[in-house]
PDB file of N, CA and C in Angstrom:
ATOM      1  N   MET A   1       0.971  -1.269   0.119  1.00  0.00           N
ATOM      2  CA  MET A   1       0.103   0.009   0.238  1.00  0.00           C
ATOM      3  C   MET A   1       0.922   1.385   0.273  1.00  0.00           C
ATOM      4  N   ARG A   2       0.611   2.418  -0.649  1.00  0.00           N
ATOM      5  CA  ARG A   2       1.444   3.456  -0.657  1.00  0.00           C
ATOM      6  C   ARG A   2       0.345   4.401   0.109  1.00  0.00           C
ATOM      7  N   PHE A   3       0.861   5.267   0.963  1.00  0.00           N
ATOM      8  CA  PHE A   3       0.364   6.355   1.610  1.00  0.00           C
ATOM      9  C   PHE A   3       0.885   7.771   1.536  1.00  0.00           C
ATOM     10  N   GLY A   4       0.132   8.994   1.284  1.00  0.00           N
ATOM     11  CA  GLY A   4       0.911  10.288   1.329  1.00  0.00           C
ATOM     12  C   GLY A   4       0.095  11.196   1.877  1.00  0.00           C
ATOM     13  N   THR A   5       0.387  12.322   1.845  1.00  0.00           N
ATOM     14  CA  THR A   5       0.024  13.719   1.946  1.00  0.00           C
ATOM     15  C   THR A   5       0.478  14.724   1.555  1.00  0.00           C
ATOM     16  N   TRP A   6      -0.529  15.568   1.228  1.00  0.00           N
ATOM     17  CA  TRP A   6      -0.205  16.631   0.410  1.00  0.00           C
ATOM     18  C   TRP A   6      -1.071  17.879   0.857  1.00  0.00           C
ATOM     19  N   ASN A   7      -0.433  19.024   0.671  1.00  0.00           N
ATOM     20  CA  ASN A   7      -1.096  20.539   0.940  1.00  0.00           C
ATOM     21  C   ASN A   7      -1.330  20.734  -0.179  1.00  0.00           C
ATOM     22  N   VAL A   8      -2.444  21.103  -0.435  1.00  0.00           N
ATOM     23  CA  VAL A   8      -3.301  21.565  -1.739  1.00  0.00           C
ATOM     24  C   VAL A   8      -3.226  23.024  -1.577  1.00  0.00           C
ATOM     25  N   ARG A   9      -3.756  23.512  -0.717  1.00  0.00           N
ATOM     26  CA  ARG A   9      -4.034  24.777  -0.108  1.00  0.00           C
ATOM     27  C   ARG A   9      -5.533  25.465  -0.477  1.00  0.00           C
ATOM     28  N   ASN A  10      -5.869  24.964  -1.425  1.00  0.00           N
ATOM     29  CA  ASN A  10      -7.382  25.213  -2.198  1.00  0.00           C
ATOM     30  C   ASN A  10      -8.085  24.695  -3.187  1.00  0.00           C
ATOM     31  N   LEU A  11      -9.381  23.691  -2.913  1.00  0.00           N
ATOM     32  CA  LEU A  11      -9.649  23.189  -3.927  1.00  0.00           C
ATOM     33  C   LEU A  11     -10.993  23.771  -4.081  1.00  0.00           C
ATOM     34  N   TYR A  12     -11.197  25.133  -3.940  1.00  0.00           N
ATOM     35  CA  TYR A  12     -12.285  25.964  -4.318  1.00  0.00           C
ATOM     36  C   TYR A  12     -12.424  26.354  -5.460  1.00  0.00           C
ATOM     37  N   ARG A  13     -11.257  26.800  -6.411  1.00  0.00           N
ATOM     38  CA  ARG A  13     -11.044  26.773  -7.940  1.00  0.00           C
ATOM     39  C   ARG A  13     -12.101  25.901  -8.758  1.00  0.00           C
ATOM     40  N   ALA A  14     -12.319  25.948  -9.504  1.00  0.00           N
ATOM     41  CA  ALA A  14     -13.189  24.969 -10.600  1.00  0.00           C
ATOM     42  C   ALA A  14     -11.624  24.252 -11.258  1.00  0.00           C
ATOM     43  N   GLY A  15     -12.090  23.037 -11.363  1.00  0.00           N
ATOM     44  CA  GLY A  15     -11.020  22.291 -11.497  1.00  0.00           C
ATOM     45  C   GLY A  15      -9.641  21.654 -10.677  1.00  0.00           C
ATOM     46  N   SER A  16      -9.963  22.364  -9.282  1.00  0.00           N
ATOM     47  CA  SER A  16      -8.723  21.855  -8.750  1.00  0.00           C
ATOM     48  C   SER A  16      -9.215  20.138  -8.331  1.00  0.00           C
ATOM     49  N   LEU A  17     -10.427  19.803  -8.042  1.00  0.00           N
ATOM     50  CA  LEU A  17     -10.243  18.263  -7.643  1.00  0.00           C
ATOM     51  C   LEU A  17      -9.694  17.605  -8.701  1.00  0.00           C
ATOM     52  N   SER A  18     -10.056  17.718  -9.927  1.00  0.00           N
ATOM     53  CA  SER A  18      -9.545  16.661 -10.534  1.00  0.00           C
ATOM     54  C   SER A  18      -8.393  16.839 -11.112  1.00  0.00           C
ATOM     55  N   THR A  19      -7.296  17.947 -10.949  1.00  0.00           N
ATOM     56  CA  THR A  19      -5.758  18.274 -11.055  1.00  0.00           C
ATOM     57  C   THR A  19      -5.669  17.224  -9.662  1.00  0.00           C
ATOM     58  N   VAL A  20      -6.109  17.482  -8.914  1.00  0.00           N
ATOM     59  CA  VAL A  20      -5.704  16.451  -7.623  1.00  0.00           C
ATOM     60  C   VAL A  20      -5.743  14.810  -7.882  1.00  0.00           C
ATOM     61  N   VAL A  21      -6.854  14.693  -8.074  1.00  0.00           N
ATOM     62  CA  VAL A  21      -7.681  13.249  -8.473  1.00  0.00           C
ATOM     63  C   VAL A  21      -6.043  12.929  -9.543  1.00  0.00           C
ATOM     64  N   GLY A  22      -5.807  13.516 -10.608  1.00  0.00           N
ATOM     65  CA  GLY A  22      -5.093  12.949 -11.556  1.00  0.00           C
ATOM     66  C   GLY A  22      -3.450  13.154 -10.896  1.00  0.00           C
ATOM     67  N   ASP A  23      -3.013  13.681  -9.812  1.00  0.00           N
ATOM     68  CA  ASP A  23      -1.862  13.798  -9.487  1.00  0.00           C
ATOM     69  C   ASP A  23      -1.639  12.436  -8.748  1.00  0.00           C
ATOM     70  N   VAL A  24      -3.008  12.216  -7.217  1.00  0.00           N
ATOM     71  CA  VAL A  24      -2.734  11.330  -6.923  1.00  0.00           C
ATOM     72  C   VAL A  24      -3.011   9.579  -7.492  1.00  0.00           C
ATOM     73  N   ALA A  25      -3.423   9.569  -8.558  1.00  0.00           N
ATOM     74  CA  ALA A  25      -3.550   8.556  -9.459  1.00  0.00           C
ATOM     75  C   ALA A  25      -1.864   8.278  -9.862  1.00  0.00           C
ATOM     76  N   ARG A  26      -1.212   9.303 -10.450  1.00  0.00           N
ATOM     77  CA  ARG A  26      -0.112   9.397 -11.205  1.00  0.00           C
ATOM     78  C   ARG A  26       0.730   8.567 -10.057  1.00  0.00           C
ATOM     79  N   TYR A  27       0.669   8.982  -8.900  1.00  0.00           N
ATOM     80  CA  TYR A  27       1.639   8.300  -7.881  1.00  0.00           C
ATOM     81  C   TYR A  27       1.116   7.195  -7.382  1.00  0.00           C
ATOM     82  N   GLU A  28      -0.120   6.585  -7.830  1.00  0.00           N
ATOM     83  CA  GLU A  28      -0.609   5.191  -7.439  1.00  0.00           C
ATOM     84  C   GLU A  28      -0.504   5.050  -5.867  1.00  0.00           C
ATOM     85  N   SER A  29      -1.275   6.014  -5.098  1.00  0.00           N
ATOM     86  CA  SER A  29      -1.539   6.186  -3.738  1.00  0.00           C
ATOM     87  C   SER A  29      -2.778   5.456  -3.682  1.00  0.00           C
ATOM     88  N   ASP A  30      -2.850   4.744  -2.292  1.00  0.00           N
ATOM     89  CA  ASP A  30      -4.223   4.096  -1.989  1.00  0.00           C
ATOM     90  C   ASP A  30      -4.899   4.947  -1.002  1.00  0.00           C
ATOM     91  N   LEU A  31      -4.240   5.701  -0.309  1.00  0.00           N
ATOM     92  CA  LEU A  31      -4.776   6.803   0.535  1.00  0.00           C
ATOM     93  C   LEU A  31      -3.826   8.183   0.769  1.00  0.00           C
ATOM     94  N   VAL A  32      -4.448   9.154   0.990  1.00  0.00           N
ATOM     95  CA  VAL A  32      -3.693  10.219   0.725  1.00  0.00           C
ATOM     96  C   VAL A  32      -4.556  11.537   1.609  1.00  0.00           C
ATOM     97  N   ASP A  33      -3.859  11.884   2.551  1.00  0.00           N
ATOM     98  CA  ASP A  33      -3.969  12.891   3.142  1.00  0.00           C
ATOM     99  C   ASP A  33      -3.828  14.410   3.007  1.00  0.00           C
ATOM    100  N   VAL A  34      -5.190  14.919   2.491  1.00  0.00           N
ATOM    101  CA  VAL A  34      -5.097  16.236   1.776  1.00  0.00           C
ATOM    102  C   VAL A  34      -5.311  17.196   3.091  1.00  0.00           C
ATOM    103  N   GLN A  35      -4.561  18.314   2.888  1.00  0.00           N
ATOM    104  CA  GLN A  35      -4.655  19.426   3.567  1.00  0.00           C
ATOM    105  C   GLN A  35      -5.072  20.532   3.293  1.00  0.00           C
ATOM    106  N   GLU A  36      -5.318  21.609   3.928  1.00  0.00           N
ATOM    107  CA  GLU A  36      -5.856  22.946   3.485  1.00  0.00           C
ATOM    108  C   GLU A  36      -6.876  23.158   2.420  1.00  0.00           C
ATOM    109  N   VAL A  37      -7.532  22.084   2.203  1.00  0.00           N
ATOM    110  CA  VAL A  37      -8.462  22.121   1.451  1.00  0.00           C
ATOM    111  C   VAL A  37      -9.666  23.325   0.823  1.00  0.00           C
ATOM    112  N   ARG A  38     -10.043  23.895   2.146  1.00  0.00           N
ATOM    113  CA  ARG A  38     -11.144  25.298   1.509  1.00  0.00           C
ATOM    114  C   ARG A  38     -12.167  24.911   0.506  1.00  0.00           C
ATOM    115  N   TRP A  39     -12.651  23.521   0.755  1.00  0.00           N
ATOM    116  CA  TRP A  39     -13.774  23.418  -0.186  1.00  0.00           C
ATOM    117  C   TRP A  39     -15.093  23.318   0.875  1.00  0.00           C
ATOM    118  N   GLY A  40     -16.318  23.795  -0.024  1.00  0.00           N
ATOM    119  CA  GLY A  40     -17.612  23.846   0.544  1.00  0.00           C
ATOM    120  C   GLY A  40     -18.107  22.486   0.537  1.00  0.00           C
ATOM    121  N   LYS A  41     -17.943  21.936   0.106  1.00  0.00           N
ATOM    122  CA  LYS A  41     -18.765  20.423  -0.409  1.00  0.00           C
ATOM    123  C   LYS A  41     -18.460  19.276   0.551  1.00  0.00           C
ATOM    124  N   GLY A  42     -19.160  18.720   1.044  1.00  0.00           N
ATOM    125  CA  GLY A  42     -18.921  17.453   1.703  1.00  0.00           C
ATOM    126  C   GLY A  42     -19.170  16.124   1.592  1.00  0.00           C
ATOM    127  N   GLY A  43     -19.266  15.668   2.742  1.00  0.00           N
ATOM    128  CA  GLY A  43     -19.468  13.925   2.728  1.00  0.00           C
ATOM    129  C   GLY A  43     -18.475  12.916   1.451  1.00  0.00           C
ATOM    130  N   THR A  44     -19.385  12.620   0.894  1.00  0.00           N
ATOM    131  CA  THR A  44     -18.574  11.120   0.282  1.00  0.00           C
ATOM    132  C   THR A  44     -18.730  11.874  -1.437  1.00  0.00           C
ATOM    133  N   VAL A  45     -17.434  11.667  -2.076  1.00  0.00           N
ATOM    134  CA  VAL A  45     -17.491  12.601  -3.885  1.00  0.00           C
ATOM    135  C   VAL A  45     -16.720  11.328  -4.133  1.00  0.00           C
ATOM    136  N   ARG A  46     -17.158  10.941  -5.181  1.00  0.00           N
ATOM    137  CA  ARG A  46     -16.705   9.832  -6.066  1.00  0.00           C
ATOM    138  C   ARG A  46     -15.902  10.457  -6.937  1.00  0.00           C
ATOM    139  N   THR A  47     -14.737  10.193  -7.338  1.00  0.00           N
ATOM    140  CA  THR A  47     -13.967  10.803  -8.445  1.00  0.00           C
ATOM    141  C   THR A  47     -13.010   9.399  -9.132  1.00  0.00           C
ATOM    142  N   GLU A  48     -13.513   9.239 -10.234  1.00  0.00           N
ATOM    143  CA  GLU A  48     -12.501   7.800 -10.685  1.00  0.00           C
ATOM    144  C   GLU A  48     -12.187   6.665  -9.881  1.00  0.00           C
ATOM    145  N   ASP A  49     -11.097   6.538  -9.618  1.00  0.00           N
ATOM    146  CA  ASP A  49     -10.919   5.242  -8.651  1.00  0.00           C
ATOM    147  C   ASP A  49     -11.040   5.519  -7.455  1.00  0.00           C
ATOM    148  N   TYR A  50     -11.157   7.190  -6.803  1.00  0.00           N
ATOM    149  CA  TYR A  50     -10.898   7.190  -5.501  1.00  0.00           C
ATOM    150  C   TYR A  50     -12.253   8.183  -4.973  1.00  0.00           C
ATOM    151  N   ILE A  51     -11.979   7.754  -3.521  1.00  0.00           N
ATOM    152  CA  ILE A  51     -13.407   8.346  -2.859  1.00  0.00           C
ATOM    153  C   ILE A  51     -12.879   9.532  -2.001  1.00  0.00           C
ATOM    154  N   PHE A  52     -13.385  10.456  -2.225  1.00  0.00           N
ATOM    155  CA  PHE A  52     -12.637  11.621  -1.577  1.00  0.00           C
ATOM    156  C   PHE A  52     -13.689  11.954  -0.232  1.00  0.00           C
ATOM    157  N   LEU A  53     -13.315  11.805   1.073  1.00  0.00           N
ATOM    158  CA  LEU A  53     -14.105  12.097   2.444  1.00  0.00           C
ATOM    159  C   LEU A  53     -13.712  12.921   3.209  1.00  0.00           C
ATOM    160  N   GLY A  54     -14.689  13.680   3.327  1.00  0.00           N
ATOM    161  CA  GLY A  54     -14.757  15.101   4.370  1.00  0.00           C
ATOM    162  C   GLY A  54     -16.111  15.297   4.679  1.00  0.00           C
ATOM    163  N   LYS A  55     -16.036  16.301   5.419  1.00  0.00           N
ATOM    164  CA  LYS A  55     -17.115  17.431   6.170  1.00  0.00           C
ATOM    165  C   LYS A  55     -17.481  18.456   5.351  1.00  0.00           C
ATOM    166  N   ARG A  56     -18.512  18.802   5.603  1.00  0.00           N
ATOM    167  CA  ARG A  56     -18.999  19.837   4.552  1.00  0.00           C
ATOM    168  C   ARG A  56     -18.757  21.100   5.585  1.00  0.00           C
ATOM    169  N   ASN A  57     -17.836  22.118   4.383  1.00  0.00           N
ATOM    170  CA  ASN A  57     -17.286  23.450   4.924  1.00  0.00           C
ATOM    171  C   ASN A  57     -17.909  24.893   4.526  1.00  0.00           C
ATOM    172  N   GLU A  58     -19.021  25.259   5.032  1.00  0.00           N
ATOM    173  CA  GLU A  58     -19.111  26.336   4.122  1.00  0.00           C
ATOM    174  C   GLU A  58     -18.555  27.486   4.245  1.00  0.00           C
ATOM    175  N   ASN A  59     -17.347  27.748   4.967  1.00  0.00           N
ATOM    176  CA  ASN A  59     -16.613  29.197   5.617  1.00  0.00           C
ATOM    177  C   ASN A  59     -15.301  28.819   4.829  1.00  0.00           C
ATOM    178  N   HIS A  60     -15.389  27.851   3.977  1.00  0.00           N
ATOM    179  CA  HIS A  60     -14.156  27.463   3.226  1.00  0.00           C
ATOM    180  C   HIS A  60     -12.877  27.803   4.286  1.00  0.00           C
ATOM    181  N   GLN A  61     -13.074  26.926   5.428  1.00  0.00           N
ATOM    182  CA  GLN A  61     -12.017  27.199   6.017  1.00  0.00           C
ATOM    183  C   GLN A  61     -10.910  25.902   6.025  1.00  0.00           C
ATOM    184  N   LEU A  62      -9.882  26.084   6.688  1.00  0.00           N
ATOM    185  CA  LEU A  62      -8.806  24.941   6.181  1.00  0.00           C
ATOM    186  C   LEU A  62      -9.432  24.058   7.130  1.00  0.00           C
ATOM    187  N   ARG A  63      -9.222  22.750   5.970  1.00  0.00           N
ATOM    188  CA  ARG A  63      -9.414  21.605   6.990  1.00  0.00           C
ATOM    189  C   ARG A  63      -8.929  20.443   5.967  1.00  0.00           C
ATOM    190  N   THR A  64      -8.949  19.394   6.521  1.00  0.00           N
ATOM    191  CA  THR A  64      -8.271  18.154   5.943  1.00  0.00           C
ATOM    192  C   THR A  64      -9.006  17.025   5.587  1.00  0.00           C
ATOM    193  N   ARG A  65      -9.199  16.511   4.532  1.00  0.00           N
ATOM    194  CA  ARG A  65      -9.554  15.189   3.627  1.00  0.00           C
ATOM    195  C   ARG A  65      -9.091  14.078   3.527  1.00  0.00           C
ATOM    196  N   LEU A  66      -9.576  12.870   3.221  1.00  0.00           N
ATOM    197  CA  LEU A  66      -8.836  11.845   2.550  1.00  0.00           C
ATOM    198  C   LEU A  66      -9.412  11.589   1.275  1.00  0.00           C
ATOM    199  N   TYR A  67      -8.338  11.156   0.350  1.00  0.00           N
ATOM    200  CA  TYR A  67      -8.549  10.237  -0.793  1.00  0.00           C
ATOM    201  C   TYR A  67      -8.382   9.081  -0.318  1.00  0.00           C
ATOM    202  N   VAL A  68      -8.978   8.146  -1.045  1.00  0.00           N
ATOM    203  CA  VAL A  68      -9.010   6.601  -0.398  1.00  0.00           C
ATOM    204  C   VAL A  68      -9.449   5.589  -1.962  1.00  0.00           C
ATOM    205  N   HIS A  69      -8.423   5.068  -2.373  1.00  0.00           N
ATOM    206  CA  HIS A  69      -8.748   4.172  -3.392  1.00  0.00           C
ATOM    207  C   HIS A  69     -10.140   3.246  -3.107  1.00  0.00           C
ATOM    208  N   HIS A  70     -10.769   3.348  -4.122  1.00  0.00           N
ATOM    209  CA  HIS A  70     -12.185   2.340  -4.092  1.00  0.00           C
ATOM    210  C   HIS A  70     -11.887   0.834  -3.733  1.00  0.00           C
ATOM    211  N   GLU A  71     -10.794   0.661  -3.597  1.00  0.00           N
ATOM    212  CA  GLU A  71     -10.783  -0.823  -3.372  1.00  0.00           C
ATOM    213  C   GLU A  71     -10.488  -0.958  -2.178  1.00  0.00           C
ATOM    214  N   ILE A  72      -9.858  -0.207  -1.170  1.00  0.00           N
ATOM    215  CA  ILE A  72      -9.855   0.151   0.277  1.00  0.00           C
ATOM    216  C   ILE A  72     -10.663   0.832   1.002  1.00  0.00           C
ATOM    217  N   VAL A  73     -11.591   1.140   0.582  1.00  0.00           N
ATOM    218  CA  VAL A  73     -12.519   2.122   1.229  1.00  0.00           C
ATOM    219  C   VAL A  73     -13.252   1.224   2.306  1.00  0.00           C
ATOM    220  N   SER A  74     -13.416   0.228   2.044  1.00  0.00           N
ATOM    221  CA  SER A  74     -14.385  -0.552   3.299  1.00  0.00           C
ATOM    222  C   SER A  74     -13.025  -0.890   4.933  1.00  0.00           C
ATOM    223  N   ALA A  75     -11.915  -0.624   4.549  1.00  0.00           N
ATOM    224  CA  ALA A  75     -11.482  -1.005   5.494  1.00  0.00           C
ATOM    225  C   ALA A  75     -10.820   0.453   6.128  1.00  0.00           C
ATOM    226  N   VAL A  76     -11.830   1.588   5.538  1.00  0.00           N
ATOM    227  CA  VAL A  76     -11.899   3.145   6.394  1.00  0.00           C
ATOM    228  C   VAL A  76     -13.107   2.952   7.417  1.00  0.00           C
ATOM    229  N   LYS A  77     -12.707   2.609   8.597  1.00  0.00           N
ATOM    230  CA  LYS A  77     -13.726   2.643   9.417  1.00  0.00           C
ATOM    231  C   LYS A  77     -14.429   4.051   9.976  1.00  0.00           C
ATOM    232  N   ARG A  78     -13.792   4.995  10.196  1.00  0.00           N
ATOM    233  CA  ARG A  78     -14.231   6.154  10.694  1.00  0.00           C
ATOM    234  C   ARG A  78     -13.332   7.547  10.265  1.00  0.00           C
ATOM    235  N   VAL A  79     -13.903   8.346   9.805  1.00  0.00           N
ATOM    236  CA  VAL A  79     -12.546   9.815   9.831  1.00  0.00           C
ATOM    237  C   VAL A  79     -13.159  11.027  10.687  1.00  0.00           C
ATOM    238  N   VAL A  80     -12.053  10.832  11.388  1.00  0.00           N
ATOM    239  CA  VAL A  80     -12.380  11.983  12.323  1.00  0.00           C
ATOM    240  C   VAL A  80     -11.426  13.643  12.387  1.00  0.00           C
ATOM    241  N   TYR A  81     -12.197  14.600  12.510  1.00  0.00           N
ATOM    242  CA  TYR A  81     -11.619  15.814  12.199  1.00  0.00           C
ATOM    243  C   TYR A  81     -11.504  16.504  13.535  1.00  0.00           C
TER     244      TYR A  81
END
């Protein structure tokens, strides 16, 4: 398994999520801790082979999210912030 962490600074701009997904897939990571997200959407977002886990953040404050490959998402028991 491959784990990683990435400080993205902002996913509020259009197209940012697809850029991150492409980079995570390029490094063939299974689980990535993404920091300083500033993204209003929450819950579970499916993108290609990954699932983006996080809570809703309407104020676009700094938060941490997880990208988890769909093959191991059942191993994630709980996301705590």
